[in-house]
Every structure is written in C-alpha cells, then in structure tokens.
Amino acid sequence: MHRVLCVLVLLHITAPIFAQTSSLDSIVLSMDGLSDQERTELSTALNQKFASVLQTTSLAQNGLSSVRAVVAAGLFDEITFNTIADVALKAYQAVENNAPTEYVDDLAVIGFSSPISAEQLEFAAKAIQLLTQNEIESTVIDEIVSYGIYNNWTGATLYAVCEGIVKGHQQGLESDKIALYLIIAIDQKAENESVETTIQNGLTSLSQTTSQSTIGQNDRDKAFQVMKESIARGVPNEIANEIFTTAVTDKWSEKLTKAVFDGLVVAENEGMSLEKLGTSILIRIAQGNAPSSPETMVSEELTYIRNLEKTKLKTIQKDQEKYKRTPQPIYQNQLGYTQPTQPEQQKKTSPPVTYFQSAQRNSLNEQLMWQVIREFLGPPTTPYRWGGTTRYGIDCSGFTQVAYKQLGIFIPRTSRQQFGTGMTLMPNQLKFGDLIFFSKYFNDYITHVGIFLGNGNFAHSSSSKGVNIASLNQRYYRLRYRGARRIVY
C-alpha cells in the first residue's frame, strides 16, 4: 500500500514536467531532416537547458514560438545542439520579459557565433521596436544595435541610448548624428558617471552645437559633415562611421579627417577594398609614420592598395569601359536590415522594394564577381555580423548586395526584398551569379540568400561560419530552398 501511494505521489509531482517537456519534444518532432538519433540528442539538449524553467512554470506559447524559430535557424546553420538549446532558452526568456517575438527571432542568430545574454537579446529587441515605432532610419537602427551588442554593452545601456536617440530626434536633431555622438560618449564615459547622465550630457552638448552658427562649428561637427558627404559619394555607412569615431576619439585634425574620407571615396569609385585602405591608413597613423601632408600619406596608401589589387582593378576597369557604368552610392536604396519575421507583419511595415541598376547589362561579369566573392571567403574568412556589410563582418543579404554593387548593380538590402527582384528561375535554370533563397523556418517566409556558383554550390554568409561555400545537396539547404532570381538577363 505504501509503495503504491509513493508511486502515485511521484507521478503527481512529475506529471507537469513531463507535460511541459513534451512541448519541447514536439518542436523537435516538427523539424524535417533529422535522424532518430539526432532528434533524441536535440530533445535531450533542450530539456536539460530548460530544466530549471520546467520545474517552476509551464512554457508559454509565445516563448515556444521563438524556441521553434531558434531551433529551425540553428539546424539550418549547422549549429551544435547544445548551442541551439542555449540560444533557444535566452530567446524564450527575452520573450517572457515582453520583448517582441519577431525581433527576438531575428536577433537570436547572433548567439550562434558571438556571445549574447538573454538581457541583451531582450533589450535589443525592445530597442528595435522603439526606434522603428519612432520612425528612426533603418541604417541608424542597424548601426546602434549592432554596435551595442558586438561591443558588449548591457541591454539596459543599449536601450537607454536608443531612448536618447528618440528624444534627440523629437527635438529635431539628426538621428544618425545622435547615434554616433552617443556611441562616443558611452565609450568615453567616466567610471563614476551614470549612463543616463552621460546620455543627457551628450544630448545637451549636441543640441548646443547644432544651434550655433556654422562659423563656430566645432571639430566634431566638421568631421561629421565630411563623413556625411563621403556617404553621399558612395562610402558604406559602417566604414564611414568607424573612421568618424576614430577621428573624433583620437582628435584628428580637420585636414587629416578630410584627406582620409576623400581617399575612401577614391577607393570606392575605383573598386578597391575600403577595409584594406582604412586599416592601412589607421595603422600608419597609429605608428606615427606619416608625412607632414595628410593628402600625401593617403595618396601613398591608395597606391599601395592599388598594387595589392592590380588584377581586380584591371577587371573592374574593363567592366566599366564595356558597360559605361558610373558608380552610384548604395545609400539610394539602403533599405534596412531589420524586418519582422511574420509575413502578415511584413506586408504592414516594409517599404515597397525599389530596384536600382546603373547599366542595362546583357551579361554578368563572372570573373569580377568571383574575385569579390573570393575576397570575402579569405583567408581570413569574413565573419558573420548581424547588419554587417563589410569585410569586418557581413550578413547574408549584405554579402549578396555588396557582391552585386561591385558590378555597378544595386539591389535591395534584405533577403526578403531581394526575393522580389529579377527573373524567377526553376532549379534546372540556375547559372553562376543567380541569387538563391531559403526559409529557415520551414515556411514561405524568406530569411536567407546566397549566390549560386555552379555544380550545386553557392556562396553565402552563415551565422556559424561566416562567408563560405556550401552545397544545395546538404539536407537542410535542400529542404528549405524556396526559389531563385536572376538579376542580369
């Protein structure tokens, strides 16, 4: 009798836990392409990671939706089961703290390649929502959220900075200017000063300098203006912002700042690697090995990079002569990276796709595109970076956009938007340079893009490996392939 009673008590205690773990197991069962052994290992990893949660509460449906999204994305990117479970728990906790699910799902992939806490994930998602609701430019959203996460700001600091951006924007200040000034202010914050005080002081200082006449414009504002002009002439936001931050922090002279940005514009128009030029210049300045004239120093570094990239630049020159293409700044269609992960929300919030092409081409310069792809492949391999568009770090749609930009062809920023361009293809029609699209979530919502290379292979930027070559025959890619588009035809 006592033994039966003990068994009944044990079942009464453990039954809720079994019921809860079944919801995790059902997520695993819904994933196609897994062997029985893999299902067992993934379920075990998830249940072990969620053990403490399962003992105290039942799993909420909103949180489980994000768990499913993380699991699907992790399998697609070939992440270890333990890492998938760890990121899934953080996503669940973020959603449980009222972070918007669509942005949590989008940001969670950062955790596959870089450390991110549940708190950072929660506040980063809330920050994106806040900035979006207040109509802050998408490029600013990308910059501030990416910078905060990859520079290990706390979630609370990131959100406070974003609140500062909104406050400044409502006062009529330029949001991109606020973001850069606050980044510098936070990075230079005194140890005993609160984040809130730093932000308020930064906004006050910015408001005062903005209200002054241009005659009394300070060095920081002059540097900002030079930076803006370089972006308008084609220099990518990420690189321009990094140079600006360095110039202000290291107190460059006005003459040096202008010379460096002018050099970046020249490099952009000639098709050079701006990352190589920027790094080369920064190293030379840091070493103090610069001539008296900044223009001479930049000119020497331009010559150095030209010599490094002779083959590539000759190919670009021939391509420019053949198609008579004029370089155009990509900011014309810099539609933001951030996008909700549900189709119905996509219809409500996304701007219409605009497609820019600087020349009517009848063929793709495969040699030039391959050279661009090969640069990103390395060595060293270009790492994955959420919202990134440079060799310092790049995401999937940033990679495809930059590759086409090198040919003078401008396509939208996100994978979903790129899916709306070009000519629809059947699988047997694929040729080198075609864009191929996937859904990480086993539905028709486009979340990933790569460039077809031939023989079933494609180049892409994945959250686990950065830019690499993969095969369409791999089960996860094959199962989640959703179509292809030809940009040049």
Protein backbone atom coordinates (compact mmCIF):
# COMPACT_ATOMS: atom_id res chain seq x y z
CA MET A 1 0.00 0.00 0.00
CA HIS A 2 2.75 2.43 0.91
CA ARG A 3 4.62 1.55 -2.25
CA VAL A 4 1.56 2.25 -4.42
CA LEU A 5 0.99 5.53 -2.61
CA CYS A 6 4.60 6.58 -3.23
CA VAL A 7 4.30 5.84 -6.92
CA LEU A 8 1.08 7.87 -7.15
CA VAL A 9 2.70 10.80 -5.35
CA LEU A 10 5.73 10.61 -7.65
CA LEU A 11 3.52 10.64 -10.73
CA HIS A 12 1.59 13.58 -9.34
CA ILE A 13 4.81 15.56 -8.84
CA THR A 14 6.45 14.73 -12.14
CA ALA A 15 3.44 14.78 -14.47
CA PRO A 16 3.51 18.54 -15.08
CA ILE A 17 7.19 18.37 -16.00
CA PHE A 18 6.55 15.57 -18.50
CA ALA A 19 3.70 17.60 -19.99
CA GLN A 20 5.95 20.62 -20.37
CA THR A 21 8.87 18.77 -21.86
CA SER A 22 6.54 17.30 -24.46
CA SER A 23 6.10 20.79 -25.91
CA LEU A 24 9.86 20.95 -26.50
CA ASP A 25 9.84 17.42 -27.90
CA SER A 26 7.02 18.35 -30.27
CA ILE A 27 9.15 21.18 -31.63
CA VAL A 28 11.93 18.70 -32.35
CA LEU A 29 9.47 16.30 -33.99
CA SER A 30 8.30 19.11 -36.31
CA MET A 31 11.81 19.57 -37.73
CA ASP A 32 12.30 17.74 -41.02
CA GLY A 33 15.57 16.12 -41.99
CA LEU A 34 16.67 14.80 -38.57
CA SER A 35 17.56 11.20 -37.87
CA ASP A 36 16.09 9.45 -34.82
CA GLN A 37 19.43 9.76 -33.06
CA GLU A 38 19.62 13.49 -33.79
CA ARG A 39 16.07 14.00 -32.54
CA THR A 40 16.96 12.28 -29.30
CA GLU A 41 20.13 14.36 -28.84
CA LEU A 42 18.38 17.64 -29.64
CA SER A 43 15.46 16.87 -27.30
CA THR A 44 17.88 15.97 -24.53
CA ALA A 45 19.82 19.23 -25.00
CA LEU A 46 16.64 21.32 -24.92
CA ASN A 47 15.12 19.59 -21.90
CA GLN A 48 18.35 19.83 -19.94
CA LYS A 49 18.76 23.53 -20.75
CA PHE A 50 15.12 24.29 -19.84
CA ALA A 51 15.14 22.10 -16.70
CA SER A 52 15.08 24.97 -14.21
CA VAL A 53 12.23 26.69 -16.08
CA LEU A 54 10.21 23.50 -16.35
CA GLN A 55 10.35 22.93 -12.60
CA THR A 56 8.63 26.20 -11.78
CA THR A 57 6.28 27.10 -14.60
CA SER A 58 4.60 25.94 -17.79
CA LEU A 59 6.07 27.05 -21.09
CA ALA A 60 4.17 29.93 -22.73
CA GLN A 61 3.17 29.73 -26.37
CA ASN A 62 4.83 33.00 -27.40
CA GLY A 63 8.12 31.83 -25.94
CA LEU A 64 7.75 28.42 -27.56
CA SER A 65 7.26 30.11 -30.92
CA SER A 66 10.68 31.72 -30.52
CA VAL A 67 12.18 28.43 -29.36
CA ARG A 68 10.94 26.80 -32.54
CA ALA A 69 12.35 29.64 -34.67
CA VAL A 70 15.77 29.35 -32.98
CA VAL A 71 15.84 25.57 -33.37
CA ALA A 72 14.95 25.84 -37.06
CA ALA A 73 17.57 28.54 -37.67
CA GLY A 74 20.20 26.62 -35.71
CA LEU A 75 19.68 23.43 -37.69
CA PHE A 76 19.84 25.42 -40.92
CA ASP A 77 23.20 26.92 -39.90
CA GLU A 78 24.51 23.57 -38.62
CA ILE A 79 24.93 24.76 -35.04
CA THR A 80 25.66 22.25 -32.27
CA PHE A 81 22.60 21.07 -30.36
CA ASN A 82 23.92 22.45 -27.06
CA THR A 83 24.38 25.92 -28.57
CA ILE A 84 20.92 25.78 -30.16
CA ALA A 85 19.41 24.91 -26.77
CA ASP A 86 21.34 27.69 -25.03
CA VAL A 87 20.22 30.36 -27.53
CA ALA A 88 16.66 28.99 -27.50
CA LEU A 89 16.47 29.43 -23.73
CA LYS A 90 17.74 33.02 -23.99
CA ALA A 91 15.17 33.76 -26.69
CA TYR A 92 12.42 32.25 -24.55
CA GLN A 93 13.45 34.34 -21.54
CA ALA A 94 13.57 37.50 -23.65
CA VAL A 95 10.05 36.92 -24.96
CA GLU A 96 8.79 36.12 -21.46
CA ASN A 97 10.05 39.57 -20.44
CA ASN A 98 7.81 41.07 -23.12
CA ALA A 99 10.40 41.51 -25.86
CA PRO A 100 8.72 41.49 -29.31
CA THR A 101 8.91 37.97 -30.72
CA GLU A 102 9.62 38.99 -34.32
CA TYR A 103 12.76 40.90 -33.37
CA VAL A 104 13.93 38.33 -30.84
CA ASP A 105 13.81 35.67 -33.57
CA ASP A 106 15.78 37.92 -35.91
CA LEU A 107 18.47 38.81 -33.36
CA ALA A 108 18.85 35.38 -31.76
CA VAL A 109 21.11 34.11 -34.57
CA ILE A 110 23.82 36.40 -33.22
CA GLY A 111 24.15 33.93 -30.37
CA PHE A 112 25.27 31.21 -32.79
CA SER A 113 28.57 32.98 -33.43
CA SER A 114 29.00 35.64 -30.71
CA PRO A 115 28.19 35.79 -27.00
CA ILE A 116 24.83 37.37 -26.25
CA SER A 117 22.89 37.29 -23.00
CA ALA A 118 19.14 36.98 -22.55
CA GLU A 119 19.16 40.53 -21.20
CA GLN A 120 20.96 41.88 -24.27
CA LEU A 121 18.59 39.97 -26.56
CA GLU A 122 15.55 41.28 -24.70
CA PHE A 123 16.56 44.94 -24.68
CA ALA A 124 17.97 44.86 -28.22
CA ALA A 125 14.60 43.61 -29.50
CA LYS A 126 12.78 46.25 -27.46
CA ALA A 127 15.19 48.89 -28.77
CA ILE A 128 14.48 47.96 -32.39
CA GLN A 129 10.76 48.18 -31.68
CA LEU A 130 11.17 51.58 -30.01
CA LEU A 131 13.27 53.02 -32.83
CA THR A 132 11.01 51.60 -35.53
CA GLN A 133 7.87 52.99 -33.90
CA ASN A 134 9.51 56.42 -33.79
CA GLU A 135 10.47 56.21 -37.48
CA ILE A 136 14.23 56.25 -36.94
CA GLU A 137 16.14 55.42 -40.14
CA SER A 138 16.84 51.73 -40.60
CA THR A 139 20.56 52.35 -41.13
CA VAL A 140 20.72 54.00 -37.70
CA ILE A 141 18.88 51.06 -36.14
CA ASP A 142 21.35 48.63 -37.67
CA GLU A 143 24.34 50.67 -36.56
CA ILE A 144 23.40 51.30 -32.94
CA VAL A 145 22.00 47.84 -32.17
CA SER A 146 24.89 46.06 -33.86
CA TYR A 147 27.47 48.28 -32.16
CA GLY A 148 25.92 47.82 -28.74
CA ILE A 149 25.74 44.05 -28.97
CA TYR A 150 29.16 43.44 -30.50
CA ASN A 151 30.81 45.88 -28.07
CA ASN A 152 29.21 44.09 -25.12
CA TRP A 153 27.01 46.89 -23.83
CA THR A 154 24.46 45.75 -21.30
CA GLY A 155 20.94 45.54 -22.61
CA ALA A 156 19.91 48.38 -20.30
CA THR A 157 22.67 50.63 -21.69
CA LEU A 158 21.68 49.88 -25.28
CA TYR A 159 18.02 50.63 -24.58
CA ALA A 160 18.89 53.85 -22.73
CA VAL A 161 20.98 55.04 -25.70
CA CYS A 162 18.09 54.26 -28.05
CA GLU A 163 15.74 56.25 -25.82
CA GLY A 164 18.27 59.09 -26.11
CA ILE A 165 18.18 58.82 -29.90
CA VAL A 166 14.39 59.05 -29.89
CA LYS A 167 14.46 62.02 -27.50
CA GLY A 168 17.01 63.85 -29.64
CA HIS A 169 15.09 63.00 -32.81
CA GLN A 170 11.95 64.52 -31.30
CA GLN A 171 13.96 67.67 -30.61
CA GLY A 172 14.79 67.93 -34.30
CA LEU A 173 18.34 66.54 -34.17
CA GLU A 174 19.68 64.20 -36.86
CA SER A 175 19.25 60.61 -35.65
CA ASP A 176 22.46 59.32 -37.27
CA LYS A 177 24.39 62.14 -35.67
CA ILE A 178 22.85 61.45 -32.25
CA ALA A 179 23.73 57.75 -32.54
CA LEU A 180 27.39 58.38 -33.36
CA TYR A 181 27.80 61.08 -30.71
CA LEU A 182 26.24 58.84 -28.05
CA ILE A 183 28.43 55.90 -29.06
CA ILE A 184 31.48 58.06 -28.47
CA ALA A 185 30.02 59.42 -25.21
CA ILE A 186 29.33 55.92 -23.83
CA ASP A 187 32.76 54.64 -24.84
CA GLN A 188 34.41 57.62 -23.10
CA LYS A 189 32.09 57.60 -20.07
CA ALA A 190 33.73 58.27 -16.73
CA GLU A 191 33.62 55.27 -14.40
CA ASN A 192 31.60 57.06 -11.72
CA GLU A 193 29.11 58.63 -14.14
CA SER A 194 25.74 57.01 -14.79
CA VAL A 195 24.67 56.04 -18.29
CA GLU A 196 21.65 58.33 -18.00
CA THR A 197 23.85 61.31 -17.12
CA THR A 198 26.23 60.55 -20.00
CA ILE A 199 23.35 60.40 -22.47
CA GLN A 200 21.74 63.60 -21.19
CA ASN A 201 25.05 65.46 -21.29
CA GLY A 202 25.64 64.18 -24.81
CA LEU A 203 22.22 65.36 -25.99
CA THR A 204 22.68 68.74 -24.34
CA SER A 205 26.08 69.22 -25.95
CA LEU A 206 24.78 68.14 -29.34
CA SER A 207 21.78 70.46 -29.09
CA GLN A 208 24.00 73.40 -28.21
CA THR A 209 26.48 72.84 -31.04
CA THR A 210 23.64 72.33 -33.54
CA SER A 211 22.08 75.65 -32.57
CA GLN A 212 25.36 77.51 -33.15
CA SER A 213 26.24 79.05 -36.49
CA THR A 214 28.40 77.10 -38.90
CA ILE A 215 31.14 79.69 -38.34
CA GLY A 216 31.56 78.46 -34.79
CA GLN A 217 31.17 74.80 -35.75
CA ASN A 218 33.37 72.53 -33.65
CA ASP A 219 35.78 69.91 -34.95
CA ARG A 220 33.37 67.05 -34.27
CA ASP A 221 30.61 68.63 -36.33
CA LYS A 222 33.01 69.37 -39.16
CA ALA A 223 34.15 65.74 -39.14
CA PHE A 224 30.52 64.61 -39.17
CA GLN A 225 29.77 66.77 -42.19
CA VAL A 226 32.77 65.36 -44.07
CA MET A 227 31.60 61.86 -43.18
CA LYS A 228 28.08 62.55 -44.48
CA GLU A 229 29.47 63.85 -47.74
CA SER A 230 31.56 60.71 -48.17
CA ILE A 231 28.48 58.51 -47.61
CA ALA A 232 26.61 60.53 -50.24
CA ARG A 233 29.52 59.77 -52.60
CA GLY A 234 29.26 56.02 -52.03
CA VAL A 235 31.30 55.11 -48.93
CA PRO A 236 29.39 52.45 -46.89
CA ASN A 237 27.88 53.66 -43.63
CA GLU A 238 29.73 51.12 -41.49
CA ILE A 239 33.18 52.14 -42.67
CA ALA A 240 32.38 55.86 -42.64
CA ASN A 241 31.05 55.61 -39.08
CA GLU A 242 34.12 53.73 -37.89
CA ILE A 243 36.51 56.30 -39.39
CA PHE A 244 34.45 59.15 -37.91
CA THR A 245 34.50 57.58 -34.44
CA THR A 246 38.26 57.07 -34.65
CA ALA A 247 38.83 60.62 -35.91
CA VAL A 248 36.87 62.12 -33.03
CA THR A 249 38.27 59.83 -30.35
CA ASP A 250 41.89 60.30 -31.48
CA LYS A 251 41.39 64.02 -32.16
CA TRP A 252 42.45 64.07 -35.79
CA SER A 253 42.97 67.44 -37.41
CA GLU A 254 40.32 68.70 -39.82
CA LYS A 255 42.82 68.34 -42.67
CA LEU A 256 43.61 64.69 -41.82
CA THR A 257 39.95 63.77 -41.47
CA LYS A 258 39.09 65.25 -44.86
CA ALA A 259 42.07 63.61 -46.55
CA VAL A 260 41.14 60.16 -45.22
CA PHE A 261 37.48 60.45 -46.26
CA ASP A 262 38.47 61.76 -49.70
CA GLY A 263 40.75 58.74 -50.03
CA LEU A 264 37.89 56.40 -49.16
CA VAL A 265 35.76 57.99 -51.88
CA VAL A 266 38.54 57.46 -54.44
CA ALA A 267 38.90 53.83 -53.34
CA GLU A 268 35.14 53.28 -53.56
CA ASN A 269 34.92 54.71 -57.07
CA GLU A 270 37.85 52.61 -58.27
CA GLY A 271 36.53 49.41 -56.72
CA MET A 272 39.29 48.99 -54.13
CA SER A 273 38.82 47.32 -50.78
CA LEU A 274 37.88 50.12 -48.40
CA GLU A 275 38.56 47.81 -45.48
CA LYS A 276 42.15 47.32 -46.64
CA LEU A 277 42.67 51.03 -47.25
CA GLY A 278 41.10 52.04 -43.94
CA THR A 279 43.14 49.51 -41.99
CA SER A 280 46.35 50.53 -43.77
CA ILE A 281 45.75 54.23 -43.02
CA LEU A 282 44.82 53.62 -39.38
CA ILE A 283 47.95 51.52 -38.80
CA ARG A 284 50.14 54.17 -40.36
CA ILE A 285 48.60 56.95 -38.27
CA ALA A 286 48.91 54.85 -35.10
CA GLN A 287 52.59 54.21 -35.82
CA GLY A 288 53.20 57.91 -36.34
CA ASN A 289 54.81 57.09 -39.66
CA ALA A 290 53.07 59.76 -41.70
CA PRO A 291 54.45 62.63 -43.81
CA SER A 292 53.64 66.23 -42.94
CA SER A 293 50.88 66.28 -45.56
CA PRO A 294 47.82 64.05 -44.85
CA GLU A 295 47.00 64.13 -48.57
CA THR A 296 50.43 62.67 -49.38
CA MET A 297 50.01 59.93 -46.81
CA VAL A 298 46.57 58.93 -48.12
CA SER A 299 47.85 59.04 -51.71
CA GLU A 300 50.70 56.69 -50.80
CA GLU A 301 48.29 54.25 -49.14
CA LEU A 302 46.00 54.37 -52.18
CA THR A 303 48.96 53.45 -54.39
CA TYR A 304 49.85 50.62 -52.01
CA ILE A 305 46.32 49.16 -52.16
CA ARG A 306 46.18 49.58 -55.94
CA ASN A 307 49.34 47.48 -56.23
CA LEU A 308 47.83 44.83 -53.99
CA GLU A 309 44.67 44.65 -56.11
CA LYS A 310 46.05 45.12 -59.62
CA THR A 311 44.25 42.15 -61.16
CA LYS A 312 40.90 43.01 -59.64
CA LEU A 313 41.12 46.70 -60.58
CA LYS A 314 42.00 45.87 -64.20
CA THR A 315 38.92 43.68 -64.41
CA ILE A 316 36.78 46.45 -62.94
CA GLN A 317 38.20 48.98 -65.42
CA LYS A 318 37.39 46.73 -68.37
CA ASP A 319 33.90 46.18 -67.00
CA GLN A 320 33.36 49.93 -66.59
CA GLU A 321 34.53 50.59 -70.16
CA LYS A 322 32.32 47.85 -71.61
CA TYR A 323 29.12 48.88 -69.83
CA LYS A 324 30.00 52.54 -69.35
CA ARG A 325 28.70 52.26 -65.80
CA THR A 326 29.06 55.10 -63.36
CA PRO A 327 29.49 54.19 -59.69
CA GLN A 328 26.39 55.13 -57.70
CA PRO A 329 26.14 55.41 -53.93
CA ILE A 330 24.36 52.43 -52.46
CA TYR A 331 22.59 54.59 -49.90
CA GLN A 332 19.95 55.28 -52.59
CA ASN A 333 18.27 52.00 -51.72
CA GLN A 334 19.72 51.22 -48.31
CA LEU A 335 16.51 49.64 -47.11
CA GLY A 336 17.04 48.47 -43.56
CA TYR A 337 18.15 45.07 -42.39
CA THR A 338 15.63 44.86 -39.61
CA GLN A 339 12.49 43.10 -40.70
CA PRO A 340 9.73 41.27 -38.83
CA THR A 341 9.70 37.51 -39.24
CA GLN A 342 5.99 37.06 -39.90
CA PRO A 343 4.56 37.53 -43.42
CA GLU A 344 1.48 39.42 -42.26
CA GLN A 345 3.64 41.95 -40.42
CA GLN A 346 5.96 42.21 -43.41
CA LYS A 347 3.06 43.43 -45.53
CA LYS A 348 2.20 46.12 -43.00
CA THR A 349 5.62 47.53 -42.23
CA SER A 350 8.02 47.09 -45.15
CA PRO A 351 8.54 49.86 -47.70
CA PRO A 352 7.99 48.98 -51.35
CA VAL A 353 11.01 47.39 -52.98
CA THR A 354 12.90 49.71 -55.31
CA TYR A 355 15.41 48.18 -57.71
CA PHE A 356 18.39 50.14 -58.98
CA GLN A 357 20.66 49.07 -61.80
CA SER A 358 23.25 51.51 -63.10
CA ALA A 359 23.55 49.95 -66.53
CA GLN A 360 21.45 47.69 -68.72
CA ARG A 361 23.74 44.67 -68.86
CA ASN A 362 23.22 41.68 -71.10
CA SER A 363 25.76 39.51 -69.29
CA LEU A 364 27.28 39.02 -65.87
CA ASN A 365 31.00 39.60 -65.41
CA GLU A 366 31.68 36.25 -63.77
CA GLN A 367 35.39 36.91 -63.32
CA LEU A 368 34.76 40.12 -61.41
CA MET A 369 32.03 38.64 -59.24
CA TRP A 370 34.18 35.64 -58.40
CA GLN A 371 37.03 37.93 -57.35
CA VAL A 372 34.67 39.77 -55.00
CA ILE A 373 33.36 36.51 -53.55
CA ARG A 374 36.88 35.18 -53.13
CA GLU A 375 37.88 38.27 -51.13
CA PHE A 376 35.10 37.58 -48.65
CA LEU A 377 35.99 33.90 -48.49
CA GLY A 378 39.50 34.88 -47.37
CA PRO A 379 41.75 33.93 -45.82
CA PRO A 380 40.86 35.17 -43.36
CA THR A 381 37.19 34.27 -43.66
CA THR A 382 34.85 37.23 -43.31
CA PRO A 383 32.90 36.62 -40.10
CA TYR A 384 29.14 36.84 -39.77
CA ARG A 385 27.89 40.11 -38.32
CA TRP A 386 24.24 40.99 -37.88
CA GLY A 387 23.51 44.01 -40.07
CA GLY A 388 27.09 43.99 -41.44
CA THR A 389 28.07 44.96 -44.98
CA THR A 390 31.88 44.93 -44.94
CA ARG A 391 34.89 42.61 -44.70
CA TYR A 392 34.91 43.29 -40.98
CA GLY A 393 31.68 41.31 -40.76
CA ILE A 394 28.67 40.72 -43.00
CA ASP A 395 25.26 39.07 -43.01
CA CYS A 396 23.72 37.05 -45.84
CA SER A 397 21.89 39.81 -47.71
CA GLY A 398 24.69 42.29 -47.09
CA PHE A 399 27.04 39.84 -48.83
CA THR A 400 24.85 39.49 -51.92
CA GLN A 401 24.19 43.23 -52.09
CA VAL A 402 27.90 44.10 -51.89
CA ALA A 403 28.84 41.46 -54.49
CA TYR A 404 26.39 42.96 -57.00
CA LYS A 405 27.31 46.50 -56.06
CA GLN A 406 30.86 45.81 -57.25
CA LEU A 407 29.41 45.27 -60.73
CA GLY A 408 27.52 48.56 -60.57
CA ILE A 409 24.23 46.80 -59.85
CA PHE A 410 22.22 47.90 -56.83
CA ILE A 411 19.75 45.52 -55.21
CA PRO A 412 17.69 45.98 -52.03
CA ARG A 413 19.13 45.29 -48.59
CA THR A 414 17.17 42.36 -47.13
CA SER A 415 16.79 38.82 -48.40
CA ARG A 416 13.02 39.21 -48.49
CA GLN A 417 13.30 42.36 -50.60
CA GLN A 418 15.90 40.80 -52.89
CA PHE A 419 13.48 37.91 -53.48
CA GLY A 420 11.17 40.45 -55.11
CA THR A 421 13.71 41.48 -57.77
CA GLY A 422 14.86 39.92 -61.03
CA MET A 423 13.53 36.98 -63.01
CA THR A 424 12.09 33.89 -61.34
CA LEU A 425 14.01 30.68 -62.12
CA MET A 426 13.38 26.96 -61.99
CA PRO A 427 16.10 24.84 -60.28
CA ASN A 428 17.34 23.48 -63.63
CA GLN A 429 17.86 27.04 -64.94
CA LEU A 430 20.42 28.15 -62.33
CA LYS A 431 23.63 29.78 -63.55
CA PHE A 432 26.61 31.41 -61.86
CA GLY A 433 25.63 34.62 -60.09
CA ASP A 434 21.93 33.84 -59.61
CA LEU A 435 20.51 34.56 -56.17
CA ILE A 436 19.08 31.57 -54.33
CA PHE A 437 16.72 31.90 -51.37
CA PHE A 438 15.81 29.88 -48.31
CA SER A 439 13.42 29.90 -45.38
CA LYS A 440 14.98 28.87 -42.09
CA TYR A 441 11.54 28.42 -40.55
CA PHE A 442 10.09 25.74 -42.85
CA ASN A 443 7.58 28.16 -44.36
CA ASP A 444 7.47 30.53 -47.32
CA TYR A 445 8.96 33.50 -45.49
CA ILE A 446 12.38 34.27 -46.98
CA THR A 447 15.13 34.57 -44.36
CA HIS A 448 18.38 33.70 -46.18
CA VAL A 449 20.08 34.29 -49.53
CA GLY A 450 23.24 33.15 -51.30
CA ILE A 451 24.95 33.37 -54.70
CA PHE A 452 24.87 30.29 -56.93
CA LEU A 453 28.32 29.22 -58.15
CA GLY A 454 27.50 26.14 -60.24
CA ASN A 455 27.58 22.37 -59.67
CA GLY A 456 25.08 22.70 -56.84
CA ASN A 457 27.34 25.01 -54.80
CA PHE A 458 26.65 28.50 -53.52
CA ALA A 459 28.44 31.19 -51.51
CA HIS A 460 26.73 32.77 -48.52
CA SER A 461 27.31 34.25 -45.08
CA SER A 462 26.07 31.93 -42.35
CA SER A 463 25.85 32.76 -38.66
CA SER A 464 28.05 29.78 -37.79
CA LYS A 465 30.84 30.01 -40.38
CA GLY A 466 30.76 33.50 -41.87
CA VAL A 467 31.21 33.64 -45.65
CA ASN A 468 31.68 30.13 -47.00
CA ILE A 469 30.77 27.78 -49.84
CA ALA A 470 28.01 25.24 -49.24
CA SER A 471 26.13 22.67 -51.29
CA LEU A 472 22.44 22.70 -52.15
CA ASN A 473 22.56 18.94 -51.71
CA GLN A 474 23.05 19.33 -47.95
CA ARG A 475 19.78 18.26 -46.37
CA TYR A 476 18.91 21.45 -44.51
CA TYR A 477 19.55 23.67 -47.52
CA ARG A 478 17.70 21.27 -49.84
CA LEU A 479 14.67 21.13 -47.53
CA ARG A 480 14.45 24.89 -47.09
CA TYR A 481 15.22 26.07 -50.61
CA ARG A 482 12.47 28.44 -51.73
CA GLY A 483 13.49 29.73 -55.15
CA ALA A 484 15.95 31.72 -57.23
CA ARG A 485 16.15 35.04 -59.04
CA ARG A 486 18.33 36.22 -61.96
CA ILE A 487 19.35 39.85 -61.65
CA VAL A 488 21.10 40.18 -65.02
CA TYR A 489 19.26 38.68 -68.01
